[in-house]
């Protein structure tokens, strides 16, 4: 995850989860939220929607 270049959802294979990163510039990268693999599709969609809302707002 050291190569995060823009805000968005990334897969962290080593931790087996999805992560939502907010990138302000090359020096400021913040993991805002994460969701474990194995979550239901419904949980993923809710989580993804919340990430997109936080990106806009």
N, C-alpha and C. Protein backbone atom coordinates (compact mmCIF):
# COMPACT_ATOMS: atom_id res chain seq x y z
N UNK A 1 0.81 -1.20 0.00
CA UNK A 1 0.00 0.00 0.00
C UNK A 1 0.85 1.26 0.00
N UNK A 2 2.13 1.16 -0.14
CA UNK A 2 2.97 2.34 -0.11
C UNK A 2 2.90 3.16 -1.40
N UNK A 3 2.25 2.63 -2.44
CA UNK A 3 2.19 3.32 -3.72
C UNK A 3 0.82 3.95 -3.98
N UNK A 4 0.09 4.32 -2.95
CA UNK A 4 -1.22 4.95 -3.14
C UNK A 4 -1.01 6.30 -3.82
N UNK A 5 -1.68 6.51 -4.94
CA UNK A 5 -1.48 7.73 -5.70
C UNK A 5 -2.70 8.63 -5.71
N UNK A 6 -3.89 8.09 -5.47
CA UNK A 6 -5.08 8.92 -5.46
C UNK A 6 -6.12 8.34 -4.52
N UNK A 7 -7.07 9.16 -4.15
CA UNK A 7 -8.13 8.72 -3.26
C UNK A 7 -8.94 7.62 -3.93
N UNK A 8 -9.37 6.66 -3.12
CA UNK A 8 -10.19 5.60 -3.65
C UNK A 8 -10.06 4.32 -2.86
N UNK A 9 -10.71 3.28 -3.37
CA UNK A 9 -10.72 1.97 -2.73
C UNK A 9 -9.62 1.10 -3.35
N UNK A 10 -8.85 0.48 -2.47
CA UNK A 10 -7.75 -0.39 -2.88
C UNK A 10 -7.88 -1.73 -2.17
N UNK A 11 -7.39 -2.79 -2.80
CA UNK A 11 -7.33 -4.11 -2.17
C UNK A 11 -5.99 -4.24 -1.47
N UNK A 12 -6.02 -4.61 -0.21
CA UNK A 12 -4.80 -4.90 0.53
C UNK A 12 -4.74 -6.42 0.65
N UNK A 13 -3.99 -7.03 -0.23
CA UNK A 13 -3.93 -8.49 -0.32
C UNK A 13 -3.33 -9.10 0.95
N UNK A 14 -2.31 -8.47 1.48
CA UNK A 14 -1.64 -9.04 2.66
C UNK A 14 -2.54 -9.05 3.89
N UNK A 15 -3.44 -8.07 3.99
CA UNK A 15 -4.35 -8.02 5.15
C UNK A 15 -5.75 -8.53 4.82
N UNK A 16 -5.95 -8.94 3.57
CA UNK A 16 -7.22 -9.51 3.11
C UNK A 16 -8.40 -8.59 3.42
N UNK A 17 -8.27 -7.34 2.90
CA UNK A 17 -9.35 -6.36 3.11
C UNK A 17 -9.29 -5.30 2.02
N UNK A 18 -10.42 -4.59 1.91
CA UNK A 18 -10.48 -3.41 1.06
C UNK A 18 -10.23 -2.20 1.95
N UNK A 19 -9.54 -1.21 1.41
CA UNK A 19 -9.23 -0.01 2.17
C UNK A 19 -9.62 1.21 1.36
N UNK A 20 -10.18 2.20 2.04
CA UNK A 20 -10.48 3.47 1.38
C UNK A 20 -9.45 4.48 1.84
N UNK A 21 -8.69 5.02 0.87
CA UNK A 21 -7.62 5.98 1.15
C UNK A 21 -8.00 7.36 0.65
N UNK A 22 -7.70 8.36 1.44
CA UNK A 22 -7.88 9.76 1.06
C UNK A 22 -6.47 10.34 0.90
N UNK A 23 -6.19 10.84 -0.29
CA UNK A 23 -4.85 11.37 -0.58
C UNK A 23 -4.95 12.86 -0.82
N UNK A 24 -4.33 13.63 0.06
CA UNK A 24 -4.33 15.10 -0.07
C UNK A 24 -3.21 15.55 -1.00
N UNK A 25 -2.03 14.99 -0.83
CA UNK A 25 -0.88 15.24 -1.70
C UNK A 25 0.09 14.08 -1.50
N UNK A 26 1.26 14.18 -2.07
CA UNK A 26 2.19 13.04 -1.99
C UNK A 26 2.68 12.76 -0.57
N UNK A 27 2.54 13.73 0.34
CA UNK A 27 2.99 13.54 1.71
C UNK A 27 1.88 13.14 2.68
N UNK A 28 0.64 13.37 2.30
CA UNK A 28 -0.47 13.11 3.23
C UNK A 28 -1.40 12.06 2.62
N UNK A 29 -1.32 10.84 3.16
CA UNK A 29 -2.18 9.72 2.74
C UNK A 29 -2.85 9.18 3.98
N UNK A 30 -4.18 9.13 3.98
CA UNK A 30 -4.93 8.73 5.17
C UNK A 30 -5.84 7.56 4.81
N UNK A 31 -5.69 6.44 5.56
CA UNK A 31 -6.64 5.35 5.39
C UNK A 31 -7.87 5.70 6.23
N UNK A 32 -8.97 5.96 5.56
CA UNK A 32 -10.19 6.43 6.21
C UNK A 32 -11.01 5.26 6.74
N UNK A 33 -11.05 4.17 6.01
CA UNK A 33 -11.93 3.07 6.36
C UNK A 33 -11.42 1.79 5.70
N UNK A 34 -11.83 0.66 6.28
CA UNK A 34 -11.52 -0.61 5.65
C UNK A 34 -12.65 -1.60 5.91
N UNK A 35 -12.72 -2.61 5.05
CA UNK A 35 -13.74 -3.66 5.16
C UNK A 35 -13.07 -4.99 4.87
N UNK A 36 -13.31 -5.96 5.74
CA UNK A 36 -12.65 -7.27 5.57
C UNK A 36 -13.23 -8.04 4.40
N UNK A 37 -12.37 -8.81 3.75
CA UNK A 37 -12.83 -9.73 2.72
C UNK A 37 -13.75 -10.74 3.39
N UNK A 38 -14.70 -11.23 2.68
CA UNK A 38 -15.64 -12.18 3.25
C UNK A 38 -16.94 -11.50 3.68
N UNK A 39 -16.95 -10.17 3.65
CA UNK A 39 -18.19 -9.45 3.95
C UNK A 39 -19.17 -9.71 2.82
N UNK A 40 -20.44 -9.59 3.13
CA UNK A 40 -21.46 -9.84 2.11
C UNK A 40 -21.42 -8.75 1.05
N UNK A 41 -21.99 -9.05 -0.10
CA UNK A 41 -22.04 -8.07 -1.19
C UNK A 41 -22.83 -6.84 -0.75
N UNK A 42 -23.87 -7.06 0.04
CA UNK A 42 -24.68 -5.94 0.55
C UNK A 42 -23.84 -5.03 1.46
N UNK A 43 -23.06 -5.64 2.35
CA UNK A 43 -22.19 -4.86 3.24
C UNK A 43 -21.16 -4.07 2.43
N UNK A 44 -20.59 -4.73 1.41
CA UNK A 44 -19.60 -4.05 0.58
C UNK A 44 -20.23 -2.85 -0.12
N UNK A 45 -21.41 -3.03 -0.69
CA UNK A 45 -22.06 -1.93 -1.41
C UNK A 45 -22.37 -0.75 -0.48
N UNK A 46 -22.83 -1.04 0.74
CA UNK A 46 -23.08 0.03 1.71
C UNK A 46 -21.79 0.75 2.07
N UNK A 47 -20.74 -0.02 2.29
CA UNK A 47 -19.44 0.55 2.64
C UNK A 47 -18.91 1.41 1.50
N UNK A 48 -18.99 0.88 0.28
CA UNK A 48 -18.51 1.62 -0.89
C UNK A 48 -19.28 2.92 -1.05
N UNK A 49 -20.59 2.87 -0.87
CA UNK A 49 -21.42 4.07 -0.97
C UNK A 49 -21.01 5.11 0.08
N UNK A 50 -20.77 4.66 1.30
CA UNK A 50 -20.34 5.58 2.36
C UNK A 50 -18.99 6.19 2.01
N UNK A 51 -18.09 5.43 1.41
CA UNK A 51 -16.79 5.96 1.02
C UNK A 51 -16.97 7.04 -0.04
N UNK A 52 -17.83 6.79 -1.00
CA UNK A 52 -18.04 7.77 -2.07
C UNK A 52 -18.69 9.04 -1.53
N UNK A 53 -19.61 8.89 -0.57
CA UNK A 53 -20.25 10.06 0.04
C UNK A 53 -19.21 10.88 0.80
N UNK A 54 -18.32 10.22 1.54
CA UNK A 54 -17.31 10.95 2.30
C UNK A 54 -16.32 11.64 1.36
N UNK A 55 -16.10 11.09 0.18
CA UNK A 55 -15.20 11.70 -0.79
C UNK A 55 -15.80 13.01 -1.32
N UNK A 56 -17.10 12.99 -1.55
CA UNK A 56 -17.79 14.16 -2.07
C UNK A 56 -17.95 15.23 -0.99
N UNK A 57 -18.36 14.79 0.20
CA UNK A 57 -18.67 15.72 1.28
C UNK A 57 -17.46 16.09 2.02
